[in-house]
Amino acid sequence: MSGSSSFTAFWFYKCDRSWRKQSAEVRRQAHDEFINLLEAPGDGLGIRGIYSTIGFRADVDLIIWAVGSDAERIQDLATRIRRTKLGDALEMKQAYIGVGTASQYDPEHGPAFIKGTPPAKYLSVYPFVKTPEWYLLSYEDRRDLMKVHGQLGKEYPTILTNTVSSFGIQDQEFIVALEDDDPAVLVDMVQRLRLAEVRKYTSIDTPIYLGRLKDPGEALSDLE
């Protein structure tokens, strides 16, 4: 989903172990119900991706990345997911929501999901908070520091960036979502960005969730 979409949500689920004990027929019907909902979530809504996190995190099995034109639709979709048969076995362990806009430091830079860029194979997503000292710097100083940060990031052209704002609506100030077909490239870029001076103004940038983009049917099968 692109264009008018500005809200985005990342939902992190843990599947109850009892789900694997359900009959094959019950699981098949539940999968069909769940997939039908995600494929047709409703007007003003879309699913950018469904990600398996099994083997990457012990506390989360599945990430659903939803985008929508407003917060009401995002919340309604989360409610409808919870009311499905499979949703009854999924515990939401974390939820991030934010608003996607162009960068205040570089108007040409904006979230890939808003631009309509197709998702990459791997997703790394985490909360982000700046130190209070960052906001006491002049706009010009902040812009210059972010320019250097951006120049380092451009050394990795395959990486898709999706930074959205959560000021006043969640604990974090931003949600950072990075995408690439090779997680090793994500490692290289984030390590490279540690050299930027702006790093000293970072207060929080964990926990980090890594997910692998999968066909919905495959992602749900991973839960069994």
N, C-alpha and C. Protein backbone atom coordinates (compact mmCIF):
# COMPACT_ATOMS: atom_id res chain seq x y z
N MET A 1 0.84 -1.19 0.00
CA MET A 1 0.00 0.00 0.00
C MET A 1 0.88 1.24 0.00
N SER A 2 0.53 2.23 -0.79
CA SER A 2 1.32 3.44 -0.88
C SER A 2 0.40 4.62 -1.05
N GLY A 3 0.99 5.77 -1.39
CA GLY A 3 0.17 6.93 -1.67
C GLY A 3 -0.35 7.56 -0.40
N SER A 4 -1.66 7.37 -0.12
CA SER A 4 -2.29 8.04 1.00
C SER A 4 -1.96 7.42 2.36
N SER A 5 -1.35 6.24 2.34
CA SER A 5 -1.04 5.57 3.59
C SER A 5 0.01 6.34 4.37
N SER A 6 -0.27 6.59 5.63
CA SER A 6 0.71 7.30 6.44
C SER A 6 0.96 6.60 7.77
N PHE A 7 -0.04 5.93 8.30
CA PHE A 7 0.15 5.19 9.55
C PHE A 7 0.73 3.81 9.25
N THR A 8 1.56 3.35 10.14
CA THR A 8 2.08 1.99 10.00
C THR A 8 2.16 1.36 11.39
N ALA A 9 1.95 0.05 11.42
CA ALA A 9 2.00 -0.69 12.68
C ALA A 9 2.77 -1.98 12.50
N PHE A 10 3.54 -2.32 13.52
CA PHE A 10 4.26 -3.59 13.56
C PHE A 10 3.71 -4.36 14.76
N TRP A 11 3.15 -5.53 14.48
CA TRP A 11 2.59 -6.36 15.54
C TRP A 11 3.44 -7.62 15.69
N PHE A 12 3.83 -7.91 16.92
CA PHE A 12 4.73 -9.02 17.22
C PHE A 12 3.97 -10.06 18.03
N TYR A 13 3.89 -11.26 17.48
CA TYR A 13 3.07 -12.30 18.10
C TYR A 13 3.88 -13.52 18.52
N LYS A 14 3.44 -14.11 19.62
CA LYS A 14 3.96 -15.40 20.08
C LYS A 14 2.81 -16.39 20.02
N CYS A 15 3.05 -17.53 19.38
CA CYS A 15 2.00 -18.54 19.24
C CYS A 15 2.00 -19.49 20.43
N ASP A 16 0.81 -19.75 20.95
CA ASP A 16 0.67 -20.69 22.06
C ASP A 16 1.06 -22.10 21.59
N ARG A 17 1.81 -22.81 22.42
CA ARG A 17 2.28 -24.15 22.05
C ARG A 17 1.14 -25.12 21.80
N SER A 18 0.01 -24.87 22.41
CA SER A 18 -1.14 -25.77 22.24
C SER A 18 -1.67 -25.76 20.81
N TRP A 19 -1.33 -24.72 20.04
CA TRP A 19 -1.84 -24.63 18.67
C TRP A 19 -1.38 -25.82 17.83
N ARG A 20 -0.19 -26.31 18.07
CA ARG A 20 0.35 -27.44 17.29
C ARG A 20 -0.40 -28.73 17.58
N LYS A 21 -1.17 -28.75 18.67
CA LYS A 21 -1.92 -29.95 19.02
C LYS A 21 -3.30 -29.99 18.38
N GLN A 22 -3.70 -28.88 17.73
CA GLN A 22 -4.97 -28.86 17.04
C GLN A 22 -4.92 -29.80 15.83
N SER A 23 -6.07 -30.30 15.42
CA SER A 23 -6.12 -31.20 14.26
C SER A 23 -5.70 -30.46 13.00
N ALA A 24 -5.26 -31.22 12.00
CA ALA A 24 -4.84 -30.62 10.74
C ALA A 24 -5.97 -29.85 10.10
N GLU A 25 -7.21 -30.36 10.23
CA GLU A 25 -8.36 -29.70 9.62
C GLU A 25 -8.66 -28.37 10.31
N VAL A 26 -8.58 -28.35 11.62
CA VAL A 26 -8.82 -27.11 12.36
C VAL A 26 -7.78 -26.07 11.97
N ARG A 27 -6.52 -26.49 11.88
CA ARG A 27 -5.45 -25.55 11.53
C ARG A 27 -5.61 -25.06 10.09
N ARG A 28 -6.03 -25.95 9.19
CA ARG A 28 -6.21 -25.55 7.79
C ARG A 28 -7.30 -24.50 7.67
N GLN A 29 -8.42 -24.73 8.34
CA GLN A 29 -9.51 -23.77 8.27
C GLN A 29 -9.12 -22.43 8.90
N ALA A 30 -8.37 -22.53 9.99
CA ALA A 30 -7.92 -21.31 10.66
C ALA A 30 -6.95 -20.53 9.79
N HIS A 31 -6.07 -21.24 9.10
CA HIS A 31 -5.13 -20.58 8.19
C HIS A 31 -5.88 -19.87 7.08
N ASP A 32 -6.86 -20.54 6.49
CA ASP A 32 -7.64 -19.94 5.40
C ASP A 32 -8.34 -18.66 5.88
N GLU A 33 -8.94 -18.72 7.06
CA GLU A 33 -9.62 -17.55 7.61
C GLU A 33 -8.64 -16.40 7.81
N PHE A 34 -7.49 -16.71 8.37
CA PHE A 34 -6.49 -15.69 8.68
C PHE A 34 -5.94 -15.07 7.40
N ILE A 35 -5.62 -15.91 6.42
CA ILE A 35 -5.05 -15.42 5.17
C ILE A 35 -6.06 -14.58 4.41
N ASN A 36 -7.32 -15.00 4.40
CA ASN A 36 -8.36 -14.22 3.73
C ASN A 36 -8.47 -12.82 4.32
N LEU A 37 -8.34 -12.72 5.64
CA LEU A 37 -8.41 -11.42 6.28
C LEU A 37 -7.23 -10.55 5.88
N LEU A 38 -6.04 -11.13 5.87
CA LEU A 38 -4.85 -10.35 5.54
C LEU A 38 -4.81 -9.95 4.07
N GLU A 39 -5.40 -10.78 3.21
CA GLU A 39 -5.41 -10.46 1.79
C GLU A 39 -6.46 -9.41 1.45
N ALA A 40 -7.47 -9.28 2.27
CA ALA A 40 -8.51 -8.27 2.06
C ALA A 40 -8.82 -7.59 3.39
N PRO A 41 -7.88 -6.79 3.91
CA PRO A 41 -8.04 -6.20 5.25
C PRO A 41 -9.09 -5.09 5.33
N GLY A 42 -9.47 -4.53 4.18
CA GLY A 42 -10.48 -3.48 4.20
C GLY A 42 -9.98 -2.19 3.56
N ASP A 43 -10.89 -1.28 3.32
CA ASP A 43 -10.55 0.00 2.69
C ASP A 43 -9.55 0.78 3.54
N GLY A 44 -8.58 1.37 2.87
CA GLY A 44 -7.61 2.20 3.58
C GLY A 44 -6.58 1.41 4.36
N LEU A 45 -6.50 0.09 4.11
CA LEU A 45 -5.58 -0.77 4.85
C LEU A 45 -4.79 -1.65 3.88
N GLY A 46 -3.63 -2.04 4.31
CA GLY A 46 -2.82 -2.97 3.55
C GLY A 46 -1.83 -3.69 4.45
N ILE A 47 -1.32 -4.80 3.98
CA ILE A 47 -0.30 -5.55 4.69
C ILE A 47 0.98 -5.50 3.87
N ARG A 48 2.00 -4.86 4.41
CA ARG A 48 3.27 -4.80 3.66
C ARG A 48 3.97 -6.14 3.68
N GLY A 49 3.86 -6.85 4.81
CA GLY A 49 4.54 -8.13 4.87
C GLY A 49 4.21 -8.90 6.13
N ILE A 50 4.40 -10.21 6.03
CA ILE A 50 4.27 -11.12 7.18
C ILE A 50 5.62 -11.80 7.31
N TYR A 51 6.16 -11.79 8.51
CA TYR A 51 7.54 -12.20 8.71
C TYR A 51 7.64 -13.28 9.79
N SER A 52 8.38 -14.33 9.46
CA SER A 52 8.66 -15.37 10.44
C SER A 52 9.91 -14.97 11.22
N THR A 53 9.83 -15.05 12.54
CA THR A 53 10.97 -14.71 13.40
C THR A 53 11.49 -15.93 14.14
N ILE A 54 10.95 -17.09 13.83
CA ILE A 54 11.38 -18.31 14.52
C ILE A 54 12.87 -18.56 14.26
N GLY A 55 13.61 -18.77 15.33
CA GLY A 55 15.05 -18.95 15.23
C GLY A 55 15.82 -17.65 15.34
N PHE A 56 15.12 -16.51 15.22
CA PHE A 56 15.75 -15.20 15.32
C PHE A 56 15.49 -14.55 16.67
N ARG A 57 14.32 -14.81 17.24
CA ARG A 57 13.95 -14.30 18.56
C ARG A 57 13.26 -15.42 19.32
N ALA A 58 13.53 -15.50 20.62
CA ALA A 58 12.88 -16.54 21.43
C ALA A 58 11.50 -16.12 21.89
N ASP A 59 11.24 -14.80 21.91
CA ASP A 59 10.00 -14.31 22.49
C ASP A 59 8.92 -13.96 21.46
N VAL A 60 9.24 -14.06 20.18
CA VAL A 60 8.30 -13.69 19.12
C VAL A 60 8.41 -14.69 17.98
N ASP A 61 7.27 -15.07 17.41
CA ASP A 61 7.24 -16.01 16.30
C ASP A 61 6.86 -15.37 14.97
N LEU A 62 6.15 -14.26 15.02
CA LEU A 62 5.54 -13.71 13.81
C LEU A 62 5.45 -12.19 13.91
N ILE A 63 5.76 -11.51 12.81
CA ILE A 63 5.55 -10.06 12.72
C ILE A 63 4.57 -9.79 11.58
N ILE A 64 3.58 -8.97 11.84
CA ILE A 64 2.69 -8.47 10.79
C ILE A 64 2.93 -6.97 10.69
N TRP A 65 3.24 -6.53 9.47
CA TRP A 65 3.48 -5.12 9.20
C TRP A 65 2.27 -4.57 8.45
N ALA A 66 1.47 -3.78 9.12
CA ALA A 66 0.25 -3.21 8.54
C ALA A 66 0.43 -1.73 8.26
N VAL A 67 -0.22 -1.25 7.21
CA VAL A 67 -0.21 0.17 6.89
C VAL A 67 -1.65 0.62 6.68
N GLY A 68 -1.92 1.87 7.02
CA GLY A 68 -3.30 2.34 6.90
C GLY A 68 -3.39 3.85 6.82
N SER A 69 -4.53 4.30 6.40
CA SER A 69 -4.74 5.74 6.22
C SER A 69 -5.03 6.46 7.54
N ASP A 70 -5.44 5.71 8.57
CA ASP A 70 -5.68 6.34 9.87
C ASP A 70 -5.57 5.31 10.98
N ALA A 71 -5.50 5.81 12.21
CA ALA A 71 -5.28 4.94 13.37
C ALA A 71 -6.48 4.05 13.65
N GLU A 72 -7.68 4.53 13.37
CA GLU A 72 -8.88 3.74 13.63
C GLU A 72 -8.87 2.44 12.82
N ARG A 73 -8.52 2.56 11.55
CA ARG A 73 -8.49 1.36 10.71
C ARG A 73 -7.42 0.38 11.17
N ILE A 74 -6.27 0.92 11.59
CA ILE A 74 -5.20 0.06 12.11
C ILE A 74 -5.70 -0.72 13.33
N GLN A 75 -6.34 -0.03 14.26
CA GLN A 75 -6.83 -0.69 15.46
C GLN A 75 -7.93 -1.71 15.14
N ASP A 76 -8.83 -1.36 14.24
CA ASP A 76 -9.90 -2.29 13.87
C ASP A 76 -9.33 -3.57 13.27
N LEU A 77 -8.27 -3.45 12.47
CA LEU A 77 -7.66 -4.64 11.88
C LEU A 77 -7.05 -5.52 12.96
N ALA A 78 -6.38 -4.92 13.93
CA ALA A 78 -5.80 -5.70 15.03
C ALA A 78 -6.89 -6.45 15.79
N THR A 79 -8.03 -5.81 15.95
CA THR A 79 -9.16 -6.45 16.66
C THR A 79 -9.70 -7.62 15.85
N ARG A 80 -9.83 -7.43 14.55
CA ARG A 80 -10.35 -8.52 13.71
C ARG A 80 -9.38 -9.69 13.65
N ILE A 81 -8.09 -9.40 13.66
CA ILE A 81 -7.10 -10.49 13.71
C ILE A 81 -7.25 -11.28 15.01
N ARG A 82 -7.43 -10.58 16.09
CA ARG A 82 -7.56 -11.24 17.40
C ARG A 82 -8.79 -12.14 17.46
N ARG A 83 -9.84 -11.79 16.73
CA ARG A 83 -11.08 -12.56 16.78
C ARG A 83 -11.10 -13.78 15.88
N THR A 84 -10.06 -13.99 15.09
CA THR A 84 -10.00 -15.18 14.26
C THR A 84 -9.64 -16.39 15.12
N LYS A 85 -9.84 -17.56 14.55
CA LYS A 85 -9.51 -18.80 15.27
C LYS A 85 -8.02 -18.85 15.59
N LEU A 86 -7.17 -18.53 14.62
CA LEU A 86 -5.74 -18.52 14.87
C LEU A 86 -5.37 -17.38 15.81
N GLY A 87 -6.03 -16.25 15.66
CA GLY A 87 -5.75 -15.11 16.51
C GLY A 87 -5.93 -15.42 17.99
N ASP A 88 -6.81 -16.37 18.28
CA ASP A 88 -7.03 -16.77 19.67
C ASP A 88 -5.79 -17.44 20.26
N ALA A 89 -4.92 -17.99 19.38
CA ALA A 89 -3.70 -18.66 19.84
C ALA A 89 -2.47 -17.76 19.77
N LEU A 90 -2.67 -16.53 19.28
CA LEU A 90 -1.55 -15.60 19.13
C LEU A 90 -1.59 -14.53 20.22
N GLU A 91 -0.54 -14.46 20.99
CA GLU A 91 -0.43 -13.41 22.00
C GLU A 91 0.42 -12.27 21.44
N MET A 92 -0.14 -11.06 21.43
CA MET A 92 0.63 -9.91 20.95
C MET A 92 1.62 -9.51 22.04
N LYS A 93 2.91 -9.69 21.74
CA LYS A 93 3.95 -9.42 22.72
C LYS A 93 4.43 -7.97 22.67
N GLN A 94 4.27 -7.33 21.52
CA GLN A 94 4.68 -5.94 21.36
C GLN A 94 3.93 -5.35 20.19
N ALA A 95 3.72 -4.06 20.20
CA ALA A 95 3.05 -3.37 19.10
C ALA A 95 3.64 -1.98 18.98
N TYR A 96 4.09 -1.66 17.78
CA TYR A 96 4.59 -0.32 17.48
C TYR A 96 3.67 0.33 16.45
N ILE A 97 3.37 1.59 16.64
CA ILE A 97 2.60 2.34 15.65
C ILE A 97 3.23 3.71 15.48
N GLY A 98 3.25 4.18 14.25
CA GLY A 98 3.84 5.49 13.97
C GLY A 98 3.27 6.09 12.70
N VAL A 99 3.66 7.31 12.44
CA VAL A 99 3.19 8.05 11.27
C VAL A 99 4.38 8.31 10.36
N GLY A 100 4.22 7.96 9.10
CA GLY A 100 5.28 8.14 8.13
C GLY A 100 5.19 9.49 7.43
N THR A 101 6.29 10.23 7.44
CA THR A 101 6.37 11.52 6.77
C THR A 101 7.75 11.67 6.14
N ALA A 102 7.92 12.68 5.31
CA ALA A 102 9.24 12.98 4.77
C ALA A 102 10.15 13.46 5.91
N SER A 103 11.44 13.23 5.77
CA SER A 103 12.40 13.68 6.78
C SER A 103 12.44 15.20 6.85
N GLN A 104 12.50 15.73 8.07
CA GLN A 104 12.60 17.19 8.23
C GLN A 104 13.97 17.70 7.82
N TYR A 105 14.96 16.79 7.70
CA TYR A 105 16.30 17.20 7.33
C TYR A 105 16.58 17.00 5.84
N ASP A 106 15.81 16.11 5.20
CA ASP A 106 15.97 15.86 3.77
C ASP A 106 14.60 15.50 3.20
N PRO A 107 13.89 16.47 2.63
CA PRO A 107 12.53 16.25 2.13
C PRO A 107 12.43 15.16 1.07
N GLU A 108 13.56 14.83 0.44
CA GLU A 108 13.55 13.78 -0.58
C GLU A 108 13.59 12.39 0.04
N HIS A 109 13.88 12.34 1.31
CA HIS A 109 14.03 11.05 1.99
C HIS A 109 12.75 10.73 2.76
N GLY A 110 12.14 9.60 2.44
CA GLY A 110 10.93 9.19 3.13
C GLY A 110 10.85 7.68 3.19
N PRO A 111 9.91 7.14 3.97
CA PRO A 111 9.78 5.70 4.12
C PRO A 111 9.52 4.98 2.80
N ALA A 112 10.18 3.86 2.61
CA ALA A 112 10.02 3.08 1.38
C ALA A 112 8.59 2.59 1.21
N PHE A 113 7.91 2.29 2.32
CA PHE A 113 6.55 1.76 2.19
C PHE A 113 5.59 2.82 1.66
N ILE A 114 5.86 4.09 1.94
CA ILE A 114 5.01 5.16 1.42
C ILE A 114 5.30 5.39 -0.06
N LYS A 115 6.56 5.22 -0.45
CA LYS A 115 6.94 5.40 -1.85
C LYS A 115 6.41 4.28 -2.74
N GLY A 116 5.95 3.20 -2.14
CA GLY A 116 5.45 2.07 -2.91
C GLY A 116 6.52 1.09 -3.32
N THR A 117 7.71 1.20 -2.73
CA THR A 117 8.79 0.27 -3.02
C THR A 117 8.45 -1.13 -2.49
N PRO A 118 8.57 -2.17 -3.30
CA PRO A 118 8.25 -3.53 -2.82
C PRO A 118 9.13 -3.91 -1.62
N PRO A 119 8.61 -4.70 -0.71
CA PRO A 119 9.40 -5.09 0.47
C PRO A 119 10.55 -6.01 0.10
N ALA A 120 11.60 -5.96 0.92
CA ALA A 120 12.74 -6.85 0.75
C ALA A 120 12.53 -8.11 1.59
N LYS A 121 13.46 -9.03 1.49
CA LYS A 121 13.30 -10.36 2.09
C LYS A 121 13.40 -10.34 3.61
N TYR A 122 14.22 -9.44 4.15
CA TYR A 122 14.42 -9.40 5.60
C TYR A 122 14.05 -8.03 6.15
N LEU A 123 13.51 -8.05 7.36
CA LEU A 123 13.11 -6.83 8.06
C LEU A 123 13.80 -6.78 9.42
N SER A 124 14.40 -5.64 9.71
CA SER A 124 14.94 -5.37 11.04
C SER A 124 14.22 -4.14 11.57
N VAL A 125 13.54 -4.27 12.71
CA VAL A 125 12.72 -3.18 13.22
C VAL A 125 12.99 -2.98 14.71
N TYR A 126 13.07 -1.72 15.11
CA TYR A 126 13.36 -1.44 16.52
C TYR A 126 12.90 -0.03 16.90
N PRO A 127 12.68 0.21 18.19
CA PRO A 127 12.31 1.55 18.67
C PRO A 127 13.54 2.43 18.72
N PHE A 128 13.32 3.74 18.65
CA PHE A 128 14.47 4.65 18.66
C PHE A 128 14.12 5.92 19.44
N VAL A 129 15.03 6.32 20.34
CA VAL A 129 14.84 7.52 21.15
C VAL A 129 16.15 8.30 21.16
N LYS A 130 16.06 9.61 20.92
CA LYS A 130 17.21 10.49 20.99
C LYS A 130 17.40 10.99 22.44
N THR A 131 18.59 11.46 22.74
CA THR A 131 18.84 12.05 24.05
C THR A 131 18.21 13.45 24.10
N PRO A 132 17.91 13.97 25.30
CA PRO A 132 17.39 15.33 25.40
C PRO A 132 18.33 16.37 24.79
N GLU A 133 19.63 16.10 24.86
CA GLU A 133 20.62 17.06 24.34
C GLU A 133 20.47 17.26 22.83
N TRP A 134 19.97 16.24 22.15
CA TRP A 134 19.79 16.34 20.69
C TRP A 134 18.84 17.47 20.33
N TYR A 135 17.77 17.58 21.07
CA TYR A 135 16.75 18.57 20.74
C TYR A 135 17.14 19.98 21.18
N LEU A 136 18.21 20.08 21.95
CA LEU A 136 18.70 21.40 22.35
C LEU A 136 19.70 21.96 21.34
N LEU A 137 20.14 21.13 20.40
CA LEU A 137 20.99 21.61 19.32
C LEU A 137 20.16 22.46 18.36
N SER A 138 20.82 23.35 17.65
CA SER A 138 20.11 24.13 16.63
C SER A 138 19.68 23.22 15.49
N TYR A 139 18.67 23.65 14.76
CA TYR A 139 18.22 22.87 13.61
C TYR A 139 19.36 22.66 12.63
N GLU A 140 20.17 23.68 12.41
CA GLU A 140 21.27 23.59 11.45
C GLU A 140 22.30 22.55 11.88
N ASP A 141 22.60 22.50 13.16
CA ASP A 141 23.56 21.50 13.66
C ASP A 141 22.98 20.09 13.50
N ARG A 142 21.72 19.94 13.84
CA ARG A 142 21.10 18.61 13.68
C ARG A 142 21.07 18.19 12.21
N ARG A 143 20.74 19.14 11.35
CA ARG A 143 20.69 18.83 9.91
C ARG A 143 22.06 18.40 9.40
N ASP A 144 23.12 19.09 9.83
CA ASP A 144 24.46 18.75 9.36
C ASP A 144 24.89 17.37 9.86
N LEU A 145 24.57 17.05 11.10
CA LEU A 145 24.91 15.73 11.64
C LEU A 145 24.15 14.63 10.91
N MET A 146 22.88 14.88 10.61
CA MET A 146 22.09 13.89 9.90
C MET A 146 22.55 13.75 8.45
N LYS A 147 23.10 14.81 7.88
CA LYS A 147 23.62 14.73 6.51
C LYS A 147 24.77 13.74 6.43
N VAL A 148 25.67 13.80 7.41
CA VAL A 148 26.79 12.85 7.45
C VAL A 148 26.26 11.43 7.63
N HIS A 149 25.29 11.28 8.52
CA HIS A 149 24.66 9.99 8.75
C HIS A 149 24.06 9.45 7.46
N GLY A 150 23.38 10.31 6.72
CA GLY A 150 22.76 9.90 5.47
C GLY A 150 23.77 9.53 4.41
N GLN A 151 24.90 10.23 4.37
CA GLN A 151 25.94 9.93 3.39
C GLN A 151 26.53 8.54 3.64
N LEU A 152 26.70 8.20 4.91
CA LEU A 152 27.20 6.86 5.24
C LEU A 152 26.19 5.80 4.81
N GLY A 153 24.91 6.09 5.04
CA GLY A 153 23.87 5.14 4.67
C GLY A 153 23.78 4.90 3.17
N LYS A 154 24.12 5.92 2.38
CA LYS A 154 24.05 5.79 0.92
C LYS A 154 25.08 4.81 0.37
N GLU A 155 26.03 4.42 1.20
CA GLU A 155 27.00 3.41 0.78
C GLU A 155 26.35 2.04 0.64
N TYR A 156 25.09 1.93 1.08
CA TYR A 156 24.36 0.65 1.05
C TYR A 156 23.04 0.87 0.31
N PRO A 157 23.09 1.00 -1.01
CA PRO A 157 21.91 1.38 -1.79
C PRO A 157 20.79 0.35 -1.82
N THR A 158 21.08 -0.90 -1.49
CA THR A 158 20.02 -1.92 -1.53
C THR A 158 19.12 -1.87 -0.31
N ILE A 159 19.58 -1.21 0.74
CA ILE A 159 18.79 -1.19 1.98
C ILE A 159 17.65 -0.19 1.85
N LEU A 160 16.45 -0.64 2.21
CA LEU A 160 15.27 0.21 2.25
C LEU A 160 15.09 0.72 3.67
N THR A 161 14.89 2.01 3.82
CA THR A 161 14.70 2.59 5.15
C THR A 161 13.26 3.04 5.33
N ASN A 162 12.77 2.81 6.53
CA ASN A 162 11.41 3.20 6.89
C ASN A 162 11.44 3.73 8.32
N THR A 163 11.58 5.03 8.48
CA THR A 163 11.59 5.64 9.81
C THR A 163 10.28 6.41 9.97
N VAL A 164 9.54 6.08 11.01
CA VAL A 164 8.26 6.75 11.25
C VAL A 164 8.24 7.32 12.67
N SER A 165 7.41 8.31 12.87
CA SER A 165 7.39 9.05 14.15
C SER A 165 6.30 8.55 15.08
N SER A 166 6.65 8.47 16.37
CA SER A 166 5.70 8.03 17.40
C SER A 166 5.63 9.00 18.57
N PHE A 167 6.08 10.23 18.37
CA PHE A 167 6.08 11.21 19.45
C PHE A 167 4.69 11.35 20.08
N GLY A 168 4.62 11.16 21.37
CA GLY A 168 3.38 11.41 22.09
C GLY A 168 2.34 10.31 22.02
N ILE A 169 2.56 9.29 21.19
CA ILE A 169 1.56 8.22 21.10
C ILE A 169 2.12 6.88 21.56
N GLN A 170 3.46 6.78 21.71
CA GLN A 170 4.07 5.58 22.26
C GLN A 170 5.32 5.97 23.03
N ASP A 171 5.95 4.99 23.67
CA ASP A 171 7.11 5.29 24.50
C ASP A 171 8.28 5.80 23.66
N GLN A 172 8.50 5.20 22.48
CA GLN A 172 9.61 5.62 21.63
C GLN A 172 9.23 6.86 20.83
N GLU A 173 10.28 7.54 20.34
CA GLU A 173 10.06 8.71 19.48
C GLU A 173 9.92 8.30 18.02
N PHE A 174 10.67 7.29 17.63
CA PHE A 174 10.64 6.80 16.26
C PHE A 174 10.58 5.27 16.25
N ILE A 175 10.14 4.74 15.13
CA ILE A 175 10.32 3.32 14.82
C ILE A 175 11.21 3.27 13.59
N VAL A 176 12.28 2.50 13.66
CA VAL A 176 13.17 2.32 12.52
C VAL A 176 12.96 0.92 11.96
N ALA A 177 12.66 0.83 10.67
CA ALA A 177 12.48 -0.44 10.00
C ALA A 177 13.39 -0.46 8.78
N LEU A 178 14.35 -1.36 8.79
CA LEU A 178 15.31 -1.51 7.70
C LEU A 178 15.02 -2.80 6.95
N GLU A 179 15.13 -2.77 5.64
CA GLU A 179 14.86 -3.95 4.82
C GLU A 179 16.00 -4.20 3.85
N ASP A 180 16.32 -5.48 3.66
CA ASP A 180 17.28 -5.87 2.64
C ASP A 180 17.11 -7.36 2.37
N ASP A 181 17.57 -7.80 1.22
CA ASP A 181 17.49 -9.22 0.89
C ASP A 181 18.57 -10.04 1.58
N ASP A 182 19.55 -9.37 2.16
CA ASP A 182 20.66 -10.04 2.83
C ASP A 182 20.86 -9.40 4.21
N PRO A 183 20.60 -10.11 5.29
CA PRO A 183 20.77 -9.52 6.62
C PRO A 183 22.21 -9.13 6.92
N ALA A 184 23.18 -9.74 6.23
CA ALA A 184 24.57 -9.36 6.45
C ALA A 184 24.82 -7.91 6.02
N VAL A 185 24.09 -7.45 5.01
CA VAL A 185 24.22 -6.06 4.57
C VAL A 185 23.68 -5.13 5.65
N LEU A 186 22.61 -5.53 6.32
CA LEU A 186 22.08 -4.74 7.43
C LEU A 186 23.12 -4.62 8.54
N VAL A 187 23.80 -5.72 8.82
CA VAL A 187 24.85 -5.71 9.85
C VAL A 187 25.95 -4.72 9.47
N ASP A 188 26.38 -4.79 8.21
CA ASP A 188 27.47 -3.92 7.75
C ASP A 188 27.07 -2.44 7.86
N MET A 189 25.84 -2.11 7.43
CA MET A 189 25.46 -0.71 7.44
C MET A 189 25.32 -0.17 8.85
N VAL A 190 24.66 -0.92 9.72
CA VAL A 190 24.46 -0.42 11.08
C VAL A 190 25.80 -0.27 11.79
N GLN A 191 26.71 -1.19 11.55
CA GLN A 191 28.05 -1.04 12.13
C GLN A 191 28.75 0.19 11.57
N ARG A 192 28.59 0.43 10.29
CA ARG A 192 29.19 1.60 9.66
C ARG A 192 28.62 2.90 10.24
N LEU A 193 27.33 2.92 10.50
CA LEU A 193 26.70 4.12 11.02
C LEU A 193 27.14 4.44 12.45
N ARG A 194 27.72 3.47 13.13
CA ARG A 194 28.24 3.73 14.47
C ARG A 194 29.35 4.78 14.46
N LEU A 195 29.95 5.00 13.29
CA LEU A 195 31.05 5.96 13.19
C LEU A 195 30.56 7.40 13.09
N ALA A 196 29.28 7.58 12.86
CA ALA A 196 28.73 8.94 12.72
C ALA A 196 28.64 9.61 14.09
N GLU A 197 28.97 10.87 14.15
CA GLU A 197 28.94 11.61 15.42
C GLU A 197 27.55 11.65 16.03
N VAL A 198 26.53 11.59 15.18
CA VAL A 198 25.15 11.66 15.68
C VAL A 198 24.84 10.50 16.62
N ARG A 199 25.63 9.44 16.54
CA ARG A 199 25.40 8.27 17.38
C ARG A 199 25.39 8.62 18.87
N LYS A 200 26.19 9.60 19.27
CA LYS A 200 26.27 9.94 20.70
C LYS A 200 24.98 10.53 21.23
N TYR A 201 24.05 10.86 20.34
CA TYR A 201 22.76 11.39 20.75
C TYR A 201 21.67 10.32 20.76
N THR A 202 22.06 9.06 20.63
CA THR A 202 21.11 7.96 20.70
C THR A 202 20.93 7.50 22.14
N SER A 203 19.69 7.42 22.59
CA SER A 203 19.40 6.96 23.94
C SER A 203 18.95 5.50 23.94
N ILE A 204 18.01 5.15 23.06
CA ILE A 204 17.47 3.78 23.01
C ILE A 204 17.37 3.35 21.55
N ASP A 205 17.84 2.13 21.25
CA ASP A 205 17.62 1.55 19.92
C ASP A 205 17.52 0.03 19.99
N THR A 206 16.97 -0.46 21.07
CA THR A 206 16.68 -1.88 21.25
C THR A 206 15.34 -2.01 21.97
N PRO A 207 14.67 -3.16 21.88
CA PRO A 207 15.08 -4.43 21.27
C PRO A 207 14.96 -4.40 19.75
N ILE A 208 15.77 -5.23 19.10
CA ILE A 208 15.76 -5.33 17.65
C ILE A 208 15.12 -6.66 17.26
N TYR A 209 14.14 -6.58 16.35
CA TYR A 209 13.44 -7.77 15.87
C TYR A 209 13.81 -8.00 14.40
N LEU A 210 14.30 -9.21 14.10
CA LEU A 210 14.62 -9.59 12.72
C LEU A 210 13.59 -10.60 12.24
N GLY A 211 13.03 -10.33 11.07
CA GLY A 211 12.04 -11.24 10.50
C GLY A 211 12.34 -11.54 9.04
N ARG A 212 11.90 -12.70 8.59
CA ARG A 212 12.06 -13.12 7.19
C ARG A 212 10.71 -13.06 6.51
N LEU A 213 10.63 -12.29 5.44
CA LEU A 213 9.39 -12.16 4.69
C LEU A 213 9.01 -13.49 4.07
N LYS A 214 7.74 -13.88 4.28
CA LYS A 214 7.27 -15.14 3.72
C LYS A 214 5.87 -14.99 3.17
N ASP A 215 5.53 -15.90 2.28
CA ASP A 215 4.14 -16.02 1.87
C ASP A 215 3.32 -16.30 3.13
N PRO A 216 2.12 -15.69 3.24
CA PRO A 216 1.34 -15.88 4.47
C PRO A 216 1.16 -17.35 4.86
N GLY A 217 0.90 -18.21 3.88
CA GLY A 217 0.72 -19.62 4.19
C GLY A 217 1.97 -20.24 4.79
N GLU A 218 3.14 -19.88 4.26
CA GLU A 218 4.38 -20.40 4.78
C GLU A 218 4.67 -19.89 6.19
N ALA A 219 4.40 -18.61 6.40
CA ALA A 219 4.64 -18.02 7.73
C ALA A 219 3.76 -18.69 8.78
N LEU A 220 2.51 -18.98 8.43
CA LEU A 220 1.62 -19.62 9.37
C LEU A 220 2.00 -21.07 9.61
N SER A 221 2.49 -21.73 8.57
CA SER A 221 2.94 -23.12 8.73
C SER A 221 4.13 -23.22 9.67
N ASP A 222 4.94 -22.16 9.73
CA ASP A 222 6.08 -22.15 10.63
C ASP A 222 5.65 -22.21 12.09
N LEU A 223 4.40 -21.85 12.37
CA LEU A 223 3.91 -21.86 13.75
C LEU A 223 3.60 -23.27 14.23
N GLU A 224 3.55 -24.22 13.32
CA GLU A 224 3.13 -25.58 13.69
C GLU A 224 4.32 -26.44 14.10
